[in-house]
Protein backbone atom coordinates (compact mmCIF):
# COMPACT_ATOMS: atom_id res chain seq x y z
CA MET A 1 20.95 24.16 18.03
CA LEU A 2 19.59 24.39 14.53
CA ARG A 3 17.39 27.37 15.31
CA GLY A 4 18.97 30.72 14.84
CA LEU A 5 21.33 29.37 12.18
CA MET A 6 18.86 29.47 9.30
CA PRO A 7 15.66 31.34 8.40
CA CYS A 8 12.24 29.74 8.12
CA LEU A 9 11.60 29.21 4.41
CA ARG A 10 8.06 29.28 3.04
CA ILE A 11 8.17 27.21 -0.13
CA ALA A 12 5.24 27.31 -2.53
CA LEU A 13 3.80 24.15 -4.10
CA PRO A 14 3.46 22.98 -6.78
CA SER A 15 7.14 23.18 -7.62
CA ASN A 16 8.58 22.97 -11.10
CA ASP A 17 11.16 20.52 -9.74
CA ARG A 18 9.11 18.34 -7.43
CA PRO A 19 11.58 15.41 -7.11
CA ARG A 20 14.32 17.82 -6.00
CA LEU A 21 12.02 19.46 -3.46
CA VAL A 22 10.93 16.07 -2.08
CA ALA A 23 14.57 15.03 -1.68
CA GLU A 24 15.55 18.34 -0.03
CA THR A 25 12.64 18.18 2.41
CA ALA A 26 13.46 14.61 3.38
CA GLU A 27 17.09 15.59 3.92
CA ARG A 28 16.02 18.45 6.20
CA LEU A 29 14.08 15.97 8.33
CA ARG A 30 16.97 13.52 8.44
CA ARG A 31 19.20 16.35 9.69
CA GLY A 32 16.81 16.90 12.58
CA GLU A 33 15.02 19.97 11.29
CA LEU A 34 11.32 20.59 11.93
CA VAL A 35 9.27 21.01 8.76
CA VAL A 36 5.60 21.86 8.16
CA LEU A 37 3.93 19.70 5.49
CA PRO A 38 0.52 20.02 3.83
CA THR A 39 -2.21 17.41 4.19
CA GLU A 40 -5.84 17.24 3.09
CA THR A 41 -7.01 18.02 6.65
CA VAL A 42 -4.68 20.62 8.22
CA TYR A 43 -0.98 21.43 7.96
CA GLY A 44 1.25 19.16 10.04
CA LEU A 45 4.44 19.77 11.99
CA ALA A 46 6.70 16.89 10.91
CA VAL A 47 9.65 15.34 12.72
CA LEU A 48 11.71 12.21 12.19
CA PRO A 49 10.92 9.91 15.17
CA SER A 50 14.42 8.45 15.22
CA HIS A 51 15.98 11.90 15.77
CA ARG A 52 15.58 12.33 19.54
CA GLU A 53 16.78 15.91 19.70
CA ALA A 54 14.35 16.95 16.98
CA VAL A 55 11.49 15.20 18.78
CA ALA A 56 12.34 17.08 21.98
CA ARG A 57 12.29 20.39 20.10
CA ALA A 58 8.95 19.52 18.50
CA ARG A 59 7.46 18.80 21.93
CA ALA A 60 8.82 22.06 23.30
CA LEU A 61 7.46 23.99 20.34
CA LYS A 62 3.99 22.48 20.78
CA GLY A 63 4.03 22.69 24.57
CA ARG A 64 3.35 18.96 24.70
CA ASP A 65 4.68 16.70 27.44
CA GLY A 66 6.45 13.43 26.80
CA ASN A 67 3.44 11.28 27.70
CA GLN A 68 1.31 12.53 24.80
CA PRO A 69 2.28 10.69 21.62
CA PHE A 70 2.48 12.03 18.08
CA THR A 71 0.69 10.29 15.21
CA TRP A 72 2.63 8.11 12.80
CA HIS A 73 2.13 9.29 9.19
CA LEU A 74 2.76 6.62 6.58
CA ALA A 75 3.79 6.61 2.94
CA GLN A 76 1.64 3.57 2.09
CA LYS A 77 -0.91 1.29 3.74
CA ALA A 78 1.60 -1.57 3.96
CA ASP A 79 3.63 0.47 6.46
CA ALA A 80 0.98 -0.05 9.16
CA GLU A 81 1.60 -3.69 10.05
CA PRO A 82 5.32 -3.30 10.91
CA LEU A 83 4.21 -0.84 13.60
CA VAL A 84 1.15 -2.57 15.04
CA GLY A 85 1.09 -6.13 13.71
CA ARG A 86 -1.69 -7.80 11.79
CA LEU A 87 -4.73 -5.59 11.24
CA PRO A 88 -8.13 -6.92 12.38
CA PRO A 89 -10.94 -7.17 9.78
CA ARG A 90 -12.86 -4.16 11.08
CA ILE A 91 -9.76 -1.95 10.74
CA ARG A 92 -9.06 -3.31 7.26
CA ARG A 93 -12.57 -2.27 6.24
CA LEU A 94 -11.93 1.25 7.48
CA LEU A 95 -8.54 1.59 5.82
CA ASP A 96 -9.76 0.12 2.53
CA ARG A 97 -12.42 2.81 2.36
CA TYR A 98 -10.78 5.87 3.92
CA TRP A 99 -7.02 5.59 3.35
CA PRO A 100 -5.39 7.68 2.07
CA GLY A 101 -7.62 10.16 3.82
CA PRO A 102 -8.80 11.98 6.96
CA LEU A 103 -8.86 9.04 9.36
CA THR A 104 -6.48 8.32 12.25
CA VAL A 105 -6.68 4.89 13.87
CA ILE A 106 -5.24 4.10 17.30
CA LEU A 107 -4.22 0.45 17.54
CA PRO A 108 -2.47 -1.73 20.12
CA THR A 109 1.23 -2.36 19.57
CA PRO A 110 3.10 -5.63 20.19
CA ASP A 111 4.85 -4.14 23.23
CA GLY A 112 1.54 -3.55 25.01
CA GLY A 113 1.25 0.13 24.15
CA SER A 114 -0.70 1.84 21.39
CA ALA A 115 0.01 3.94 18.32
CA GLY A 116 -1.99 6.36 16.19
CA LEU A 117 -1.60 5.87 12.44
CA ARG A 118 -2.65 7.90 9.42
CA LEU A 119 -2.05 7.73 5.69
CA PRO A 120 -2.43 11.33 4.42
CA ALA A 121 -4.04 11.95 1.05
CA HIS A 122 -1.55 14.64 0.01
CA PRO A 123 0.80 13.05 -2.57
CA PHE A 124 3.74 15.40 -1.90
CA THR A 125 3.73 14.59 1.79
CA ARG A 126 3.52 10.86 1.12
CA ASP A 127 6.49 11.19 -1.25
CA VAL A 128 8.48 12.98 1.46
CA ILE A 129 7.68 10.22 3.97
CA ALA A 130 8.77 7.58 1.46
CA ALA A 131 12.00 9.48 0.78
CA CYS A 132 12.77 9.59 4.52
CA GLY A 133 12.74 5.81 4.59
CA GLU A 134 10.55 5.62 7.68
CA PRO A 135 7.17 6.97 8.83
CA LEU A 136 7.10 10.51 10.21
CA TRP A 137 5.58 11.83 13.37
CA MET A 138 3.22 14.69 12.55
CA THR A 139 0.94 16.88 14.61
CA SER A 140 -1.28 19.86 13.91
CA CYS A 141 0.32 23.32 13.85
CA ASN A 142 -0.88 24.84 17.08
CA PHE A 143 0.13 25.23 20.68
CA THR A 144 -1.44 22.53 22.84
CA GLY A 145 -5.04 23.39 23.65
CA GLU A 146 -5.44 25.91 20.83
CA PRO A 147 -7.12 25.40 17.42
CA PRO A 148 -4.88 24.39 14.49
CA LEU A 149 -3.43 27.11 12.27
CA LEU A 150 -4.75 26.67 8.72
CA ASP A 151 -2.77 29.35 6.85
CA ALA A 152 0.81 28.58 5.80
CA ALA A 153 1.87 32.22 6.09
CA ALA A 154 0.52 32.42 9.65
CA ILE A 155 2.33 29.19 10.55
CA ALA A 156 5.62 30.46 9.11
CA GLU A 157 5.31 33.71 11.07
CA GLN A 158 4.27 32.18 14.40
CA TRP A 159 6.81 29.36 14.30
CA LYS A 160 9.66 31.12 12.51
CA ASP A 161 11.98 30.38 15.43
CA GLY A 162 11.08 26.69 15.54
CA VAL A 163 10.77 25.33 12.00
CA THR A 164 13.09 25.66 9.03
CA ALA A 165 10.59 25.18 6.18
CA VAL A 166 6.85 25.48 5.56
CA LEU A 167 5.68 23.77 2.37
CA ASP A 168 2.80 26.00 1.26
CA ASP A 169 0.09 24.38 -0.84
CA GLY A 170 -2.63 26.93 -0.08
CA PRO A 171 -5.70 26.27 2.05
CA SER A 172 -6.14 22.67 3.17
CA PRO A 173 -9.05 21.09 1.24
CA ILE A 174 -10.88 19.90 4.36
CA GLY A 175 -9.68 22.45 6.90
CA MET A 176 -10.38 20.36 9.99
CA ALA A 177 -8.44 17.67 11.82
CA SER A 178 -8.91 14.00 11.02
CA THR A 179 -11.48 11.71 12.62
CA ILE A 180 -9.81 9.63 15.34
CA VAL A 181 -10.90 6.05 16.04
CA ARG A 182 -9.47 3.98 18.90
CA ALA A 183 -9.50 0.20 18.47
CA THR A 184 -7.61 -0.97 21.55
CA GLY A 185 -10.60 -2.71 23.20
CA PRO A 186 -13.61 -4.80 22.19
CA ALA A 187 -15.53 -1.74 20.96
CA LEU A 188 -14.45 0.93 18.51
CA GLU A 189 -14.37 4.39 20.06
CA VAL A 190 -14.65 7.54 17.97
CA LEU A 191 -12.58 9.96 20.03
CA ARG A 192 -12.96 12.87 17.61
CA GLU A 193 -15.26 13.46 14.67
CA GLY A 194 -13.85 15.23 11.63
CA ILE A 195 -15.39 15.17 8.20
CA LEU A 196 -16.13 11.48 8.85
CA SER A 197 -18.97 11.06 11.35
CA ARG A 198 -19.13 8.51 14.16
CA ASP A 199 -22.03 6.64 12.57
CA GLU A 200 -20.35 6.47 9.16
CA VAL A 201 -17.11 5.12 10.62
CA LEU A 202 -18.79 2.50 12.81
CA ARG A 203 -21.01 1.26 9.99
CA THR A 204 -18.06 0.97 7.64
CA ALA A 205 -16.01 -1.00 10.17
CA ALA A 206 -18.79 -3.38 11.16
CA GLU A 207 -19.76 -6.66 9.54
CA CYS A 208 -23.08 -5.95 7.80
CA ILE A 209 -25.85 -8.51 8.23
CA LEU A 210 -28.89 -7.87 6.06
CA PHE A 211 -32.36 -9.39 6.52
CA VAL A 212 -34.69 -9.45 3.52
CA CYS A 213 -38.42 -9.98 3.12
CA SER A 214 -41.00 -8.54 0.71
CA GLY A 215 -42.36 -5.33 2.19
CA ASN A 216 -39.78 -4.69 4.94
CA THR A 217 -42.61 -3.98 7.37
CA CYS A 218 -43.10 -7.35 9.11
CA ARG A 219 -40.53 -10.17 9.10
CA SER A 220 -37.27 -8.42 8.28
CA PRO A 221 -37.78 -5.51 10.74
CA MET A 222 -38.47 -8.06 13.48
CA ALA A 223 -35.33 -9.96 12.45
CA GLU A 224 -33.23 -6.79 12.56
CA GLY A 225 -34.50 -5.82 16.01
CA ILE A 226 -34.24 -9.34 17.43
CA ALA A 227 -30.70 -9.79 16.09
CA ARG A 228 -29.54 -6.53 17.66
CA ASP A 229 -31.20 -7.47 20.97
CA LEU A 230 -29.74 -11.00 21.10
CA ALA A 231 -26.27 -9.82 20.06
CA GLY A 232 -26.33 -7.16 22.78
CA ARG A 233 -27.33 -9.70 25.39
CA LYS A 234 -24.55 -12.06 24.32
CA LEU A 235 -21.98 -9.25 24.32
CA GLY A 236 -23.25 -7.87 27.62
CA VAL A 237 -23.95 -4.41 26.19
CA PRO A 238 -27.09 -2.40 25.37
CA ALA A 239 -28.50 -3.08 21.90
CA ASP A 240 -27.55 0.41 20.72
CA GLN A 241 -23.87 -0.37 21.39
CA VAL A 242 -23.73 -3.49 19.20
CA LEU A 243 -22.62 -1.42 16.20
CA ALA A 244 -19.48 -0.27 18.03
CA HIS A 245 -18.69 -3.93 18.73
CA GLY A 246 -18.57 -4.69 15.02
CA LEU A 247 -22.05 -5.85 14.01
CA CYS A 248 -24.36 -3.78 11.81
CA PHE A 249 -27.86 -5.16 11.35
CA GLN A 250 -30.08 -3.88 8.53
CA SER A 251 -33.24 -4.94 6.76
CA ALA A 252 -34.82 -4.32 3.36
CA GLY A 253 -37.67 -5.44 1.12
CA THR A 254 -37.70 -6.79 -2.43
CA SER A 255 -41.02 -5.07 -3.21
CA THR A 256 -41.66 -2.08 -1.01
CA MET A 257 -41.82 1.69 -0.92
CA ALA A 258 -39.32 3.59 1.15
CA GLY A 259 -40.39 5.07 4.47
CA MET A 260 -43.14 2.66 5.50
CA PRO A 261 -43.46 1.93 9.25
CA ALA A 262 -43.40 -1.52 10.79
CA SER A 263 -46.81 -3.18 10.75
CA GLU A 264 -48.96 -3.09 13.86
CA GLY A 265 -48.58 -6.82 14.36
CA SER A 266 -44.78 -6.60 14.17
CA LEU A 267 -44.74 -3.67 16.57
CA ALA A 268 -46.85 -5.59 19.09
CA ALA A 269 -45.01 -8.92 18.74
CA ALA A 270 -41.60 -7.28 19.05
CA MET A 271 -42.65 -5.14 21.99
CA GLU A 272 -43.53 -8.29 23.93
CA LEU A 273 -39.78 -9.01 23.83
CA GLY A 274 -38.91 -5.45 24.83
CA ILE A 275 -37.89 -4.53 21.27
CA ASP A 276 -39.14 -1.18 19.98
CA LEU A 277 -39.70 -0.95 16.22
CA THR A 278 -41.51 2.40 16.22
CA ASN A 279 -38.62 4.17 14.47
CA HIS A 280 -38.38 1.63 11.66
CA GLN A 281 -38.75 2.89 8.10
CA SER A 282 -38.77 0.48 5.19
CA GLN A 283 -36.13 0.58 2.48
CA ALA A 284 -36.13 -1.05 -0.92
CA LEU A 285 -33.43 -3.61 -1.60
CA ASP A 286 -30.99 -2.43 -4.25
CA GLU A 287 -27.66 -3.58 -5.63
CA SER A 288 -25.63 -1.29 -3.37
CA LEU A 289 -27.18 -2.84 -0.24
CA VAL A 290 -26.49 -6.33 -1.55
CA GLN A 291 -22.90 -5.46 -2.41
CA ARG A 292 -22.28 -3.90 1.02
CA ALA A 293 -23.70 -6.81 3.02
CA ASP A 294 -21.34 -9.49 4.33
CA ARG A 295 -24.20 -11.88 5.06
CA ILE A 296 -27.73 -11.82 3.64
CA TYR A 297 -30.59 -13.76 5.22
CA CYS A 298 -33.86 -14.16 3.35
CA MET A 299 -37.23 -15.02 4.84
CA GLY A 300 -38.22 -17.06 1.79
CA GLN A 301 -36.87 -18.71 -1.33
CA ASN A 302 -38.55 -16.07 -3.50
CA HIS A 303 -36.42 -13.36 -1.86
CA ARG A 304 -33.21 -15.27 -2.51
CA ARG A 305 -34.19 -15.82 -6.14
CA ALA A 306 -34.93 -12.10 -6.54
CA ILE A 307 -31.52 -11.15 -5.16
CA LEU A 308 -29.57 -13.62 -7.30
CA ALA A 309 -31.44 -12.61 -10.43
CA GLU A 310 -29.99 -9.12 -10.02
CA VAL A 311 -26.68 -9.87 -8.28
CA PRO A 312 -25.71 -13.50 -9.03
CA GLN A 313 -22.25 -13.05 -7.50
CA ALA A 314 -23.93 -12.73 -4.07
CA SER A 315 -24.88 -16.42 -4.10
CA GLU A 316 -22.49 -17.58 -1.38
CA ARG A 317 -23.48 -14.72 0.94
CA THR A 318 -27.24 -15.16 0.47
CA LYS A 319 -29.04 -17.82 2.51
CA LEU A 320 -32.42 -18.53 4.02
CA LEU A 321 -32.68 -17.40 7.63
CA ARG A 322 -34.02 -20.74 8.84
CA PRO A 323 -31.10 -23.17 9.08
CA ASP A 324 -33.35 -26.00 7.83
CA GLY A 325 -33.94 -24.16 4.55
CA ARG A 326 -37.67 -23.62 5.05
CA ASP A 327 -39.50 -20.33 4.51
CA ILE A 328 -40.73 -18.17 7.37
CA GLY A 329 -44.33 -17.45 6.46
CA ASP A 330 -45.49 -13.88 5.88
CA PRO A 331 -47.70 -12.82 8.82
CA TYR A 332 -49.08 -9.76 7.01
CA GLY A 333 -52.83 -9.53 7.50
CA GLY A 334 -52.83 -12.12 10.30
CA ASP A 335 -53.69 -11.69 13.95
CA LEU A 336 -51.17 -11.30 16.76
CA LYS A 337 -50.92 -15.07 17.15
CA VAL A 338 -49.63 -15.33 13.55
CA TYR A 339 -47.09 -12.58 14.17
CA ARG A 340 -45.90 -14.30 17.32
CA ARG A 341 -45.33 -17.52 15.40
CA ALA A 342 -43.23 -15.69 12.79
CA ARG A 343 -41.37 -13.80 15.53
CA ASP A 344 -40.49 -16.98 17.39
CA GLU A 345 -39.28 -18.72 14.21
CA ILE A 346 -37.10 -15.70 13.47
CA ARG A 347 -35.72 -15.59 17.01
CA ALA A 348 -34.85 -19.30 17.00
CA ALA A 349 -33.11 -19.00 13.61
CA ILE A 350 -31.09 -15.97 14.70
CA GLY A 351 -30.10 -17.75 17.89
CA ALA A 352 -28.69 -20.58 15.77
CA HIS A 353 -26.64 -18.16 13.60
CA LEU A 354 -25.45 -15.88 16.41
CA PRO A 355 -22.32 -17.85 17.38
CA GLN A 356 -21.01 -17.50 13.79
CA TRP A 357 -21.53 -13.72 13.84
CA LEU A 358 -19.78 -13.26 17.16
């Protein structure tokens, strides 16, 4: 047994000889020692997965049974695919935005199981993982069921008979555990919110489909609501769950003020299909919306011209909603019959595009 043969060292960072400290820490882990490393979220108890005895001691220290896995912590993003295989597009979107950072993703593994992966933002810890030559298993410093310890001194005192070194880099910048997202089924599941919220994560992972008209009070709000409704029906889920299945529908106007409600005609025409637009608030189209969107559908040629005048590189992503290239007329100021005609044109066009989106 390693414990009892050596004291628990609390080593302050930054060190004047960082490469030496990285190498020494990696060597401790290779010998089967348990080490506490800093991350941007909370401190993590680290163990080399290939050292079975060390893993058993880590589980005993945490009070965790063998059925509850530890999270793989990587040195670089490229280390993910050897563990879980090719990453799906929605996960790539998440990792491109949030890694290194406070996001853990649970993905299926080739053997039919699953694995949680994280790329911590703390450079020292990533250097240690790289020096070990394989990803580390890390878990928060707490007994199972209790909140994580956030103070290195408290960790060193409480676990002095279990770990051999605590690398002390002061208070963790975030001070809360990472957001956990499970992607083992058709829908993304946010199992735990950290600094990243459920809505933020789901919107980042989803393919963004943007509908554009002039005022964002008539045609494009109807398109957004109809698209969400039709996608939900096709997927067999409520419309408010479409986002978790990887589709984010938005709408905007080329000449509008923010915060305007949907027009009365749009509200009535949409409600006839069971689609409620009462919570809609208009938003002005800007470059950030255009850049974020994976597909942009315009109600008229004038909207496409306006977009390309400002963001010409969006040309391939920006199309007219009607597959035949014709405009969908603006119903503003018309009676309900005019709104119904626009609604039905929009619904038919979205129905034609839906197989591509799904």
